Protein backbone atom coordinates (compact mmCIF):
# COMPACT_ATOMS: atom_id res chain seq x y z
CA UNK A 1 0.00 0.00 0.00
CA UNK A 2 2.86 2.40 0.74
CA UNK A 3 4.20 2.15 -2.80
CA UNK A 4 0.71 2.82 -4.27
CA UNK A 5 0.25 5.85 -2.03
CA UNK A 6 3.62 7.32 -2.98
CA UNK A 7 2.85 7.00 -6.68
CA UNK A 8 -0.30 9.07 -6.13
CA UNK A 9 1.66 12.05 -4.77
CA UNK A 10 2.12 15.05 -7.04
CA UNK A 11 5.71 15.59 -8.11
CA UNK A 12 5.35 19.29 -7.29
CA UNK A 13 4.77 18.50 -3.60
CA UNK A 14 7.12 15.56 -3.25
CA UNK A 15 10.18 16.10 -1.13
CA UNK A 16 13.14 13.65 -1.42
CA UNK A 17 12.79 13.02 2.30
CA UNK A 18 9.18 11.93 1.78
CA UNK A 19 10.22 9.53 -0.96
CA UNK A 20 12.85 8.12 1.38
CA UNK A 21 15.98 9.12 -0.52
CA UNK A 22 19.02 8.81 1.74
CA UNK A 23 21.53 11.70 1.89
CA UNK A 24 24.04 9.70 -0.16
CA UNK A 25 21.52 8.16 -2.58
CA UNK A 26 22.25 8.37 -6.27
CA UNK A 27 18.85 9.81 -7.19
CA UNK A 28 18.97 12.54 -4.54
CA UNK A 29 22.39 13.87 -5.55
CA UNK A 30 22.25 13.41 -9.33
CA UNK A 31 20.25 16.57 -10.27
CA UNK A 32 22.57 18.97 -8.45
CA UNK A 33 25.66 17.16 -9.70
CA UNK A 34 24.68 17.41 -13.36
CA UNK A 35 23.67 21.04 -13.03
CA UNK A 36 26.99 21.99 -11.47
CA UNK A 37 29.40 19.60 -13.19
CA UNK A 38 28.49 20.03 -16.86
CA UNK A 39 29.94 23.33 -18.18
CA UNK A 40 27.67 25.52 -20.36
CA UNK A 41 29.76 24.99 -23.48
CA UNK A 42 29.48 21.19 -23.12
CA UNK A 43 25.76 21.49 -22.50
CA UNK A 44 25.33 23.43 -25.73
CA UNK A 45 27.14 20.68 -27.65
CA UNK A 46 25.02 18.02 -26.02
CA UNK A 47 21.71 19.82 -26.50
CA UNK A 48 22.37 21.51 -29.81
CA UNK A 49 20.94 24.71 -28.32
CA UNK A 50 22.18 27.54 -26.16
CA UNK A 51 19.20 27.96 -23.87
CA UNK A 52 15.74 26.79 -22.87
CA UNK A 53 14.12 23.37 -22.70
CA UNK A 54 16.73 21.47 -24.79
CA UNK A 55 19.30 22.16 -22.06
CA UNK A 56 17.05 20.69 -19.38
CA UNK A 57 16.26 17.72 -21.62
CA UNK A 58 19.96 17.07 -22.17
CA UNK A 59 20.57 16.95 -18.43
CA UNK A 60 17.60 14.59 -17.96
CA UNK A 61 18.90 12.23 -20.62
CA UNK A 62 22.40 12.30 -19.15
CA UNK A 63 20.76 11.36 -15.88
CA UNK A 64 18.96 8.47 -17.58
CA UNK A 65 22.27 7.13 -18.89
CA UNK A 66 23.79 7.17 -15.42
CA UNK A 67 20.73 5.65 -13.76
CA UNK A 68 20.66 2.78 -16.24
CA UNK A 69 24.21 1.72 -15.47
CA UNK A 70 24.08 2.55 -11.77
CA UNK A 71 21.29 0.02 -11.29
CA UNK A 72 22.19 -2.38 -14.13
CA UNK A 73 18.89 -1.92 -15.96
CA UNK A 74 17.75 -2.93 -19.39
CA UNK A 75 16.51 -0.10 -21.55
CA UNK A 76 12.91 -1.24 -21.09
CA UNK A 77 13.25 -1.37 -17.31
CA UNK A 78 14.92 2.04 -17.30
CA UNK A 79 12.02 3.64 -19.18
CA UNK A 80 9.50 1.95 -16.92
CA UNK A 81 11.18 3.20 -13.77
CA UNK A 82 11.55 6.72 -15.19
CA UNK A 83 7.79 6.68 -15.70
CA UNK A 84 6.75 5.20 -12.33
CA UNK A 85 9.60 5.44 -9.79
CA UNK A 86 9.45 8.67 -7.76
CA UNK A 87 13.15 8.52 -6.99
CA UNK A 88 14.01 8.32 -10.69
CA UNK A 89 11.57 11.10 -11.55
CA UNK A 90 13.08 13.31 -8.86
CA UNK A 91 16.57 12.59 -10.23
CA UNK A 92 15.48 13.60 -13.74
CA UNK A 93 13.51 16.67 -12.64
CA UNK A 94 10.26 15.41 -14.14
CA UNK A 95 7.15 17.28 -13.01
CA UNK A 96 3.65 15.91 -12.51
CA UNK A 97 2.28 14.45 -15.75
CA UNK A 98 5.57 14.96 -17.61
CA UNK A 99 6.70 11.90 -19.53
CA UNK A 100 10.34 10.81 -19.69
CA UNK A 101 12.07 10.70 -23.10
CA UNK A 102 11.06 7.78 -25.31
CA UNK A 103 13.36 4.85 -25.95
CA UNK A 104 14.16 6.09 -29.45
CA UNK A 105 14.99 9.58 -28.20
CA UNK A 106 17.13 8.14 -25.43
CA UNK A 107 19.12 5.93 -27.83
CA UNK A 108 19.69 8.78 -30.26
CA UNK A 109 20.93 11.01 -27.46
CA UNK A 110 23.21 8.27 -26.13
CA UNK A 111 24.76 7.85 -29.58
CA UNK A 112 25.06 11.63 -29.87
CA UNK A 113 26.94 11.86 -26.57
CA UNK A 114 29.45 9.18 -27.57
CA UNK A 115 29.99 10.79 -30.98
CA UNK A 116 30.34 14.40 -29.82
CA UNK A 117 31.90 14.00 -26.37
CA UNK A 118 33.46 10.52 -26.51
CA UNK A 119 32.46 7.20 -24.97
CA UNK A 120 34.27 8.03 -21.72
CA UNK A 121 32.69 11.47 -21.29
CA UNK A 122 30.80 10.72 -18.08
CA UNK A 123 33.77 8.88 -16.57
CA UNK A 124 35.89 11.99 -17.22
CA UNK A 125 33.14 14.12 -15.73
CA UNK A 126 33.05 12.03 -12.55
CA UNK A 127 36.82 12.23 -12.08
CA UNK A 128 36.84 15.95 -12.78
CA UNK A 129 34.29 16.46 -10.02
CA UNK A 130 36.18 14.26 -7.56
CA UNK A 131 39.41 16.16 -8.20
CA UNK A 132 37.75 19.58 -7.87
CA UNK A 133 36.24 18.59 -4.51
CA UNK A 134 39.57 17.36 -3.16
CA UNK A 135 38.47 13.73 -2.89
CA UNK A 136 41.21 12.36 -5.14
CA UNK A 137 44.39 13.22 -3.31
CA UNK A 138 45.83 9.69 -3.36
CA UNK A 139 46.48 9.29 -7.09
CA UNK A 140 50.26 8.84 -6.72
CA UNK A 141 49.89 5.13 -5.96
CA UNK A 142 47.17 3.17 -7.76
CA UNK A 143 46.30 -0.50 -8.18
CA UNK A 144 45.46 -2.47 -11.30
CA UNK A 145 43.65 -5.78 -11.81
CA UNK A 146 41.19 -7.53 -14.13
CA UNK A 147 37.99 -9.55 -13.96
CA UNK A 148 35.91 -11.53 -16.41
CA UNK A 149 32.92 -10.17 -18.31
CA UNK A 150 30.73 -12.78 -20.00
CA UNK A 151 29.73 -11.98 -23.56
CA UNK A 152 26.11 -11.45 -24.57
CA UNK A 153 26.30 -13.70 -27.62
CA UNK A 154 25.21 -17.33 -27.56
CA UNK A 155 28.09 -19.61 -26.56
CA UNK A 156 27.80 -22.90 -28.43
CA UNK A 157 29.85 -26.04 -29.02
CA UNK A 158 31.90 -26.82 -32.12
CA UNK A 159 29.15 -28.66 -34.01
CA UNK A 160 26.67 -25.81 -33.61
CA UNK A 161 29.39 -23.18 -34.06
CA UNK A 162 30.31 -24.43 -37.54
CA UNK A 163 26.63 -24.84 -38.44
CA UNK A 164 25.83 -21.32 -37.26
CA UNK A 165 28.76 -20.00 -39.28
CA UNK A 166 27.41 -21.61 -42.44
CA UNK A 167 23.95 -20.22 -41.69
CA UNK A 168 25.42 -16.74 -41.23
CA UNK A 169 27.07 -16.87 -44.66
CA UNK A 170 23.81 -18.06 -46.25
CA UNK A 171 21.88 -15.15 -44.72
CA UNK A 172 24.44 -12.57 -45.83
CA UNK A 173 24.55 -13.92 -49.40
CA UNK A 174 20.76 -14.11 -49.68
CA UNK A 175 20.50 -10.52 -48.44
CA UNK A 176 22.85 -9.37 -51.20
CA UNK A 177 21.02 -11.36 -53.89
CA UNK A 178 17.59 -10.24 -52.72
CA UNK A 179 16.25 -13.73 -52.06
CA UNK A 180 15.03 -15.45 -48.92
CA UNK A 181 17.66 -17.29 -46.91
CA UNK A 182 15.58 -20.46 -47.09
CA UNK A 183 15.63 -20.32 -50.89
CA UNK A 184 19.38 -19.72 -50.92
CA UNK A 185 19.91 -22.70 -48.61
CA UNK A 186 17.67 -24.90 -50.78
CA UNK A 187 19.64 -24.05 -53.93
CA UNK A 188 22.92 -25.01 -52.26
CA UNK A 189 21.44 -28.04 -50.44
CA UNK A 190 22.24 -26.56 -47.04
CA UNK A 191 18.78 -26.12 -45.53
CA UNK A 192 19.70 -27.97 -42.33
CA UNK A 193 22.06 -25.13 -41.38
CA UNK A 194 19.23 -22.65 -40.94
CA UNK A 195 17.72 -24.70 -38.12
CA UNK A 196 18.10 -23.50 -34.53
CA UNK A 197 20.58 -26.28 -33.76
CA UNK A 198 22.08 -29.02 -35.85
CA UNK A 199 22.72 -31.56 -33.11
CA UNK A 200 19.09 -32.29 -32.35
CA UNK A 201 18.22 -32.92 -35.98
CA UNK A 202 21.35 -34.96 -36.74
CA UNK A 203 19.79 -38.20 -35.49
CA UNK A 204 23.07 -39.87 -34.56
CA UNK A 205 24.26 -41.87 -31.57
CA UNK A 206 26.36 -39.29 -29.72
CA UNK A 207 28.18 -42.00 -27.78
CA UNK A 208 29.58 -43.33 -31.07
CA UNK A 209 32.81 -41.51 -31.96
CA UNK A 210 32.65 -42.56 -35.62
CA UNK A 211 29.19 -41.03 -36.05
CA UNK A 212 30.31 -37.83 -34.32
CA UNK A 213 33.35 -37.59 -36.58
CA UNK A 214 31.22 -38.23 -39.66
CA UNK A 215 28.90 -35.35 -38.78
CA UNK A 216 31.81 -33.03 -38.05
CA UNK A 217 33.51 -33.99 -41.32
CA UNK A 218 30.33 -33.27 -43.27
CA UNK A 219 30.03 -29.85 -41.64
CA UNK A 220 33.62 -28.90 -42.45
CA UNK A 221 33.27 -30.02 -46.06
CA UNK A 222 30.03 -28.05 -46.36
CA UNK A 223 31.84 -25.02 -44.93
CA UNK A 224 34.55 -25.37 -47.57
CA UNK A 225 31.89 -25.76 -50.27
CA UNK A 226 30.10 -22.60 -49.13
CA UNK A 227 33.36 -20.64 -49.20
CA UNK A 228 34.01 -21.86 -52.76
CA UNK A 229 30.49 -20.84 -53.89
CA UNK A 230 31.00 -17.38 -52.40
CA UNK A 231 34.34 -16.99 -54.20
CA UNK A 232 32.60 -17.81 -57.49
CA UNK A 233 29.91 -15.21 -56.81
CA UNK A 234 32.58 -12.70 -55.87
CA UNK A 235 34.25 -13.14 -59.25
CA UNK A 236 30.93 -12.86 -61.10
CA UNK A 237 29.33 -9.87 -59.43
CA UNK A 238 31.29 -8.70 -56.40
CA UNK A 239 29.97 -8.94 -52.87
CA UNK A 240 30.07 -6.49 -49.97
CA UNK A 241 32.52 -6.69 -47.08
CA UNK A 242 29.91 -8.22 -44.76
CA UNK A 243 29.90 -11.42 -46.83
CA UNK A 244 33.70 -11.63 -46.81
CA UNK A 245 33.73 -11.19 -43.03
CA UNK A 246 31.15 -13.98 -42.61
CA UNK A 247 33.26 -16.32 -44.77
CA UNK A 248 36.43 -15.44 -42.85
CA UNK A 249 34.66 -16.12 -39.56
CA UNK A 250 33.40 -19.47 -40.88
CA UNK A 251 36.91 -20.44 -41.96
CA UNK A 252 38.18 -19.76 -38.42
CA UNK A 253 35.51 -21.65 -36.52
CA UNK A 254 35.64 -24.60 -38.93
CA UNK A 255 39.30 -25.32 -38.19
CA UNK A 256 39.99 -23.98 -34.68
CA UNK A 257 38.80 -27.06 -32.73
CA UNK A 258 39.49 -29.95 -35.11
CA UNK A 259 42.30 -32.11 -36.35
CA UNK A 260 42.46 -34.01 -39.63
CA UNK A 261 42.93 -37.77 -39.56
CA UNK A 262 44.94 -39.86 -42.02
CA UNK A 263 41.83 -40.82 -43.99
CA UNK A 264 40.87 -37.18 -44.56
CA UNK A 265 38.11 -37.08 -41.95
CA UNK A 266 38.05 -34.81 -38.94
CA UNK A 267 37.59 -35.12 -35.20
CA UNK A 268 37.47 -32.73 -32.24
CA UNK A 269 41.02 -31.93 -31.14
CA UNK A 270 42.07 -32.33 -27.54
CA UNK A 271 42.54 -29.17 -25.52
CA UNK A 272 41.35 -25.68 -26.31
CA UNK A 273 42.87 -23.50 -29.02
CA UNK A 274 44.37 -20.21 -27.87
CA UNK A 275 42.03 -17.32 -28.67
CA UNK A 276 39.17 -19.67 -29.56
CA UNK A 277 36.07 -17.97 -31.01
CA UNK A 278 33.09 -18.99 -28.88
CA UNK A 279 30.12 -17.25 -30.53
CA UNK A 280 28.92 -16.46 -34.03
CA UNK A 281 26.63 -13.68 -32.81
CA UNK A 282 29.50 -12.03 -30.88
CA UNK A 283 32.61 -13.03 -32.85
CA UNK A 284 34.98 -10.75 -30.90
CA UNK A 285 34.36 -12.78 -27.72
CA UNK A 286 37.06 -15.31 -26.94
CA UNK A 287 37.85 -18.24 -24.70
CA UNK A 288 40.49 -17.34 -22.14
CA UNK A 289 41.75 -17.95 -18.63
CA UNK A 290 41.92 -15.86 -15.50
CA UNK A 291 43.97 -18.59 -13.83
CA UNK A 292 44.87 -22.24 -14.36
CA UNK A 293 41.55 -23.25 -12.80
CA UNK A 294 39.25 -20.45 -13.99
CA UNK A 295 38.16 -20.05 -17.61
CA UNK A 296 36.63 -16.93 -19.14
CA UNK A 297 34.11 -16.88 -21.98
CA UNK A 298 33.87 -13.46 -23.50
CA UNK A 299 35.90 -10.48 -22.39
CA UNK A 300 38.19 -9.17 -19.67
CA UNK A 301 37.60 -5.92 -17.81
CA UNK A 302 40.85 -4.25 -16.78
CA UNK A 303 40.62 -1.62 -14.02
CA UNK A 304 42.98 0.96 -12.55
CA UNK A 305 41.89 2.68 -9.37
CA UNK A 306 42.96 4.59 -6.29
CA UNK A 307 43.58 2.64 -3.11
CA UNK A 308 42.27 4.82 -0.28
CA UNK A 309 39.57 6.90 -2.00
CA UNK A 310 38.48 3.94 -4.20
CA UNK A 311 37.81 5.72 -7.50
CA UNK A 312 38.08 4.16 -10.95
CA UNK A 313 40.72 6.10 -12.88
CA UNK A 314 40.88 3.87 -15.96
CA UNK A 315 38.93 0.94 -17.36
CA UNK A 316 39.53 -1.08 -20.53
CA UNK A 317 37.89 -4.07 -22.23
CA UNK A 318 39.79 -6.75 -24.15
CA UNK A 319 38.89 -10.19 -25.39
CA UNK A 320 39.31 -12.96 -22.83
CA UNK A 321 42.47 -14.33 -24.46
CA UNK A 322 44.42 -11.12 -23.81
CA UNK A 323 47.07 -11.30 -21.09
CA UNK A 324 46.25 -9.23 -18.03
CA UNK A 325 49.30 -6.99 -18.40
CA UNK A 326 48.78 -6.07 -22.06
CA UNK A 327 46.31 -3.16 -21.53
CA UNK A 328 48.43 -1.57 -18.77
CA UNK A 329 49.71 1.19 -21.04
CA UNK A 330 46.18 1.94 -22.25
CA UNK A 331 45.04 2.30 -18.63
CA UNK A 332 47.95 4.62 -17.87
CA UNK A 333 47.06 6.70 -20.94
CA UNK A 334 43.49 7.00 -19.63
CA UNK A 335 44.67 8.19 -16.23
CA UNK A 336 46.88 10.76 -17.89
CA UNK A 337 44.03 12.01 -20.08
CA UNK A 338 41.87 12.27 -16.95
CA UNK A 339 44.67 14.15 -15.11
CA UNK A 340 44.96 11.50 -12.42
CA UNK A 341 48.10 9.75 -13.65
CA UNK A 342 49.90 7.79 -10.90
CA UNK A 343 53.61 7.78 -10.19
CA UNK A 344 53.40 4.13 -9.08
CA UNK A 345 51.10 1.20 -9.76
CA UNK A 346 50.80 -2.10 -7.95
CA UNK A 347 49.45 -5.32 -9.44
CA UNK A 348 49.56 -9.07 -8.99
CA UNK A 349 52.10 -11.41 -10.56
CA UNK A 350 50.48 -11.13 -13.99
CA UNK A 351 51.74 -7.54 -14.22
CA UNK A 352 55.29 -8.47 -13.22
CA UNK A 353 56.58 -9.32 -16.68
CA UNK A 354 59.77 -7.44 -17.43
CA UNK A 355 58.36 -6.00 -20.66
CA UNK A 356 55.39 -4.52 -18.79
CA UNK A 357 57.59 -3.08 -16.03
CA UNK A 358 59.87 -1.44 -18.60
CA UNK A 359 57.03 -0.10 -20.74
CA UNK A 360 55.37 1.40 -17.65
CA UNK A 361 58.65 3.00 -16.57
CA UNK A 362 59.09 4.55 -20.00
CA UNK A 363 55.81 6.44 -19.59
CA UNK A 364 56.68 7.59 -16.08
CA UNK A 365 55.00 4.95 -13.91
CA UNK A 366 56.83 2.50 -11.65
CA UNK A 367 55.12 -0.89 -11.66
CA UNK A 368 55.36 -2.93 -8.46
CA UNK A 369 54.40 -6.59 -8.19
CA UNK A 370 55.15 -9.53 -5.95
CA UNK A 371 58.48 -11.02 -6.97
CA UNK A 372 58.07 -14.33 -8.73
CA UNK A 373 60.43 -16.50 -10.67
CA UNK A 374 59.21 -19.77 -12.17
CA UNK A 375 61.75 -22.55 -11.89
CA UNK A 376 62.15 -26.08 -13.04
CA UNK A 377 60.37 -28.52 -10.78
CA UNK A 378 62.66 -29.85 -8.07
CA UNK A 379 65.31 -27.14 -8.57
CA UNK A 380 66.42 -24.21 -6.43
CA UNK A 381 64.64 -21.16 -7.89
CA UNK A 382 66.50 -18.47 -9.73
CA UNK A 383 65.65 -15.81 -7.13
CA UNK A 384 67.80 -17.69 -4.60
CA UNK A 385 70.85 -16.77 -6.69
CA UNK A 386 72.52 -13.39 -6.27
CA UNK A 387 72.81 -11.77 -9.71
CA UNK A 388 75.21 -8.83 -9.92
CA UNK A 389 74.56 -7.17 -13.27
CA UNK A 390 77.27 -4.57 -12.71
CA UNK A 391 80.04 -7.14 -12.45
CA UNK A 392 78.21 -9.75 -14.52
CA UNK A 393 78.55 -12.30 -11.76
CA UNK A 394 76.15 -14.88 -10.32
CA UNK A 395 76.52 -16.35 -6.84
CA UNK A 396 74.64 -19.49 -5.79
CA UNK A 397 73.04 -20.11 -2.36
CA UNK A 398 76.12 -22.15 -1.33
CA UNK A 399 78.42 -19.18 -2.00
CA UNK A 400 79.97 -20.34 -5.26
CA UNK A 401 80.34 -17.61 -7.91
CA UNK A 402 80.80 -17.57 -11.66
CA UNK A 403 81.42 -14.96 -14.32
CA UNK A 404 81.47 -17.48 -17.13
CA UNK A 405 78.59 -17.09 -19.52
CA UNK A 406 77.56 -17.59 -23.11
CA UNK A 407 74.95 -15.78 -25.18
CA UNK A 408 71.90 -17.87 -26.01
CA UNK A 409 68.52 -17.23 -27.60
CA UNK A 410 65.73 -16.33 -25.21
CA UNK A 411 62.80 -18.69 -25.79
CA UNK A 412 61.54 -18.40 -29.38
CA UNK A 413 62.83 -14.90 -30.04
CA UNK A 414 66.01 -13.83 -31.76
CA UNK A 415 67.27 -11.81 -28.81
CA UNK A 416 70.32 -13.27 -27.07
CA UNK A 417 70.82 -13.18 -23.32
CA UNK A 418 73.65 -14.24 -20.99
CA UNK A 419 73.52 -17.78 -19.64
CA UNK A 420 75.90 -18.28 -16.69
CA UNK A 421 77.58 -21.63 -16.10
CA UNK A 422 78.93 -22.89 -12.79
CA UNK A 423 82.00 -25.13 -12.82
CA UNK A 424 81.13 -28.81 -12.76
CA UNK A 425 83.76 -29.53 -10.09
CA UNK A 426 82.31 -26.84 -7.83
CA UNK A 427 78.76 -28.15 -8.30
CA UNK A 428 79.76 -31.74 -7.57
CA UNK A 429 81.63 -30.71 -4.43
CA UNK A 430 78.63 -28.72 -3.17
CA UNK A 431 76.43 -30.12 -0.43
CA UNK A 432 73.34 -28.79 -2.25
CA UNK A 433 73.96 -30.67 -5.48
CA UNK A 434 71.16 -33.15 -4.75
CA UNK A 435 68.50 -30.44 -4.60
CA UNK A 436 70.01 -27.70 -6.78
CA UNK A 437 68.72 -29.13 -10.07
CA UNK A 438 68.43 -32.37 -12.00
CA UNK A 439 71.74 -31.77 -13.80
CA UNK A 440 73.78 -31.42 -10.59
CA UNK A 441 72.05 -34.44 -9.08
CA UNK A 442 73.20 -36.49 -12.09
CA UNK A 443 76.83 -35.31 -12.04
CA UNK A 444 76.49 -32.14 -14.15
CA UNK A 445 76.52 -28.43 -13.37
CA UNK A 446 74.00 -25.64 -12.79
CA UNK A 447 73.33 -22.83 -15.25
CA UNK A 448 71.35 -19.61 -14.86
CA UNK A 449 69.85 -17.85 -17.87
CA UNK A 450 69.03 -14.16 -17.52
CA UNK A 451 65.90 -12.45 -18.75
CA UNK A 452 66.02 -9.74 -21.46
CA UNK A 453 64.46 -7.49 -18.82
CA UNK A 454 66.67 -8.66 -15.95
CA UNK A 455 67.41 -5.12 -14.62
CA UNK A 456 63.68 -4.40 -14.27
CA UNK A 457 63.01 -7.75 -12.62
CA UNK A 458 65.89 -7.28 -10.19
CA UNK A 459 64.68 -3.80 -9.27
CA UNK A 460 61.13 -5.05 -8.76
CA UNK A 461 62.36 -7.93 -6.57
CA UNK A 462 64.53 -5.60 -4.48
CA UNK A 463 61.65 -3.17 -3.90
CA UNK A 464 59.31 -5.99 -2.84
CA UNK A 465 61.73 -6.89 -0.04
CA UNK A 466 61.82 -3.38 1.50
CA UNK A 467 59.43 -2.31 4.28
CA UNK A 468 57.63 0.11 1.96
CA UNK A 469 57.52 -2.51 -0.76
CA UNK A 470 55.75 -4.95 1.53
CA UNK A 471 53.31 -2.22 2.53
CA UNK A 472 52.59 -1.32 -1.10
CA UNK A 473 52.03 -4.95 -2.06
CA UNK A 474 49.58 -5.41 0.82
CA UNK A 475 47.57 -2.42 -0.44
CA UNK A 476 46.97 -4.11 -3.80
CA UNK A 477 43.93 -5.98 -2.50
CA UNK A 478 42.01 -2.67 -2.44
CA UNK A 479 41.45 -2.93 -6.19
CA UNK A 480 39.65 -6.24 -5.69
CA UNK A 481 37.13 -4.50 -3.46
CA UNK A 482 36.66 -1.80 -6.09
CA UNK A 483 36.14 -4.40 -8.82
CA UNK A 484 33.55 -6.19 -6.69
CA UNK A 485 31.45 -3.00 -6.72
CA UNK A 486 31.70 -2.80 -10.52
CA UNK A 487 30.61 -6.44 -10.78
CA UNK A 488 27.55 -5.76 -8.63
CA UNK A 489 26.70 -2.87 -10.95
CA UNK A 490 26.69 -5.08 -14.03
CA UNK A 491 30.23 -5.64 -15.29
CA UNK A 492 30.02 -9.41 -14.92
CA UNK A 493 27.76 -9.62 -17.98
CA UNK A 494 27.96 -7.65 -21.23
CA UNK A 495 24.80 -5.72 -22.13
CA UNK A 496 25.91 -5.23 -25.73
CA UNK A 497 27.45 -7.12 -28.62
CA UNK A 498 30.97 -6.29 -29.88
CA UNK A 499 33.99 -5.25 -27.89
CA UNK A 500 33.54 -1.56 -28.71
CA UNK A 501 30.08 -1.38 -27.17
CA UNK A 502 31.13 -3.39 -24.13
CA UNK A 503 33.88 -0.81 -23.68
CA UNK A 504 31.17 1.86 -23.63
CA UNK A 505 29.34 -0.15 -20.96
CA UNK A 506 32.55 -0.28 -18.91
CA UNK A 507 33.01 3.50 -19.14
CA UNK A 508 29.41 4.04 -18.03
CA UNK A 509 29.58 1.60 -15.11
CA UNK A 510 32.85 3.22 -14.04
CA UNK A 511 31.24 6.67 -14.19
CA UNK A 512 28.15 5.58 -12.24
CA UNK A 513 30.31 3.90 -9.61
CA UNK A 514 32.54 6.97 -9.26
CA UNK A 515 29.52 9.22 -8.78
CA UNK A 516 28.05 6.95 -6.13
CA UNK A 517 31.42 6.97 -4.40
CA UNK A 518 31.52 10.77 -4.65
CA UNK A 519 28.03 11.11 -3.15
CA UNK A 520 28.91 8.70 -0.33
CA UNK A 521 32.09 10.60 0.59
CA UNK A 522 30.17 13.89 0.50
CA UNK A 523 27.52 12.56 2.88
CA UNK A 524 30.14 11.07 5.20
CA UNK A 525 31.99 14.39 5.37
CA UNK A 526 28.75 16.26 6.05
CA UNK A 527 27.87 13.86 8.88
CA UNK A 528 31.34 14.26 10.39
CA UNK A 529 30.88 18.02 10.49
């Protein structure tokens, strides 16, 4: 009954206290924030007018954008709540009987904002406000981490993935030729690929490997046949880029999970291909890993944020196969553009690659991570050896030293790095030879190969062992708390298709979170006074 009674109140007489809006609530603070934070010149660009109602409408629609991502709403739910929810109506400044913008108007305005002001406009606006109010005074040290974001597209297995790829090509070709997809499929004898799923209609015994392989082989041969038909059409009349992209996608999904047998048939390969495409409807989504035990299907959300004040200063989306450290420079560039660039960043082991540490240093940011050094199983780890780069000398845990080295290739690259060799006599006389490594245990000697980024790794390891280093590394967990807030606001699941639009979602969730954090800190400070 209370909700019904509140809806019957006139907006002219409603007070936010009557509606029950808390001092730090998003809806209560949003109208004043937008009025004060958006400069007149930016308002004119957003509204396309210098005065009057269009200005007020622009602010209302900006408010709608923030409300949608603050509460993780679909567009339909957003419009419904703008019509019926008193808190939303108060936030948008809607008077009694006044309707909110329609869905079409809202979408057009949202596209206009991203085109004119940039996809990260509201994130920049939130950080600008936090800086101006003195709430972002801890930008010198920031933390970085990532989390998974599931794609919106349908994730299907290999059989249905190849079938859906063939169906996609058929639809694109039929659209260009001006015929129905069903007719196109009938001409090419591929009608079964327009069904919702091929596995149900296959009518095979799925426990029989030979029958599974036969179906897979037929699909791959049909995929090759479709590609050949499209090439013939391309030579005859030319086809648009959309058809070429559909054929390229089909070629990828048809071969990424299979291996060819001696008799020319195919079977599902063991393991998962790196960067595996997982969806035809969202082809930029990938299969990836957050850890050895945790897989990701879709995208990764990479976040940089302050530790004490807990603001998002940068946020980037990549496909799930991208290594955590790869977007670090993009995040730093965002912080610099937002005028909150850190002097130091702290991350987990994934950010401790020498290349990432060096690249961060080159743009003026010192990257700190927990020191790690993978070693061969059953061997003393490399970090137990004292490496003196100045004298080019390596000393083992038993006190034996060597300056003898050769230059060897580093992994698969062409770059050569020093590889130090201890004397065999010294190793065999050492009391640690049984546990040093397999070679010393069998009568050989120990060798230590340096990393191309050894100076950076040594510096990072030395910092981690200092009192301040240990304190900095303990502070890294703050970013996990920040990310948990973003997840609760919708970043676990993509609301859009394509990486570009998921990046827009990330900017909007980051902006909405920052504003809520701003309003909370304001209310806390007011209570303290």
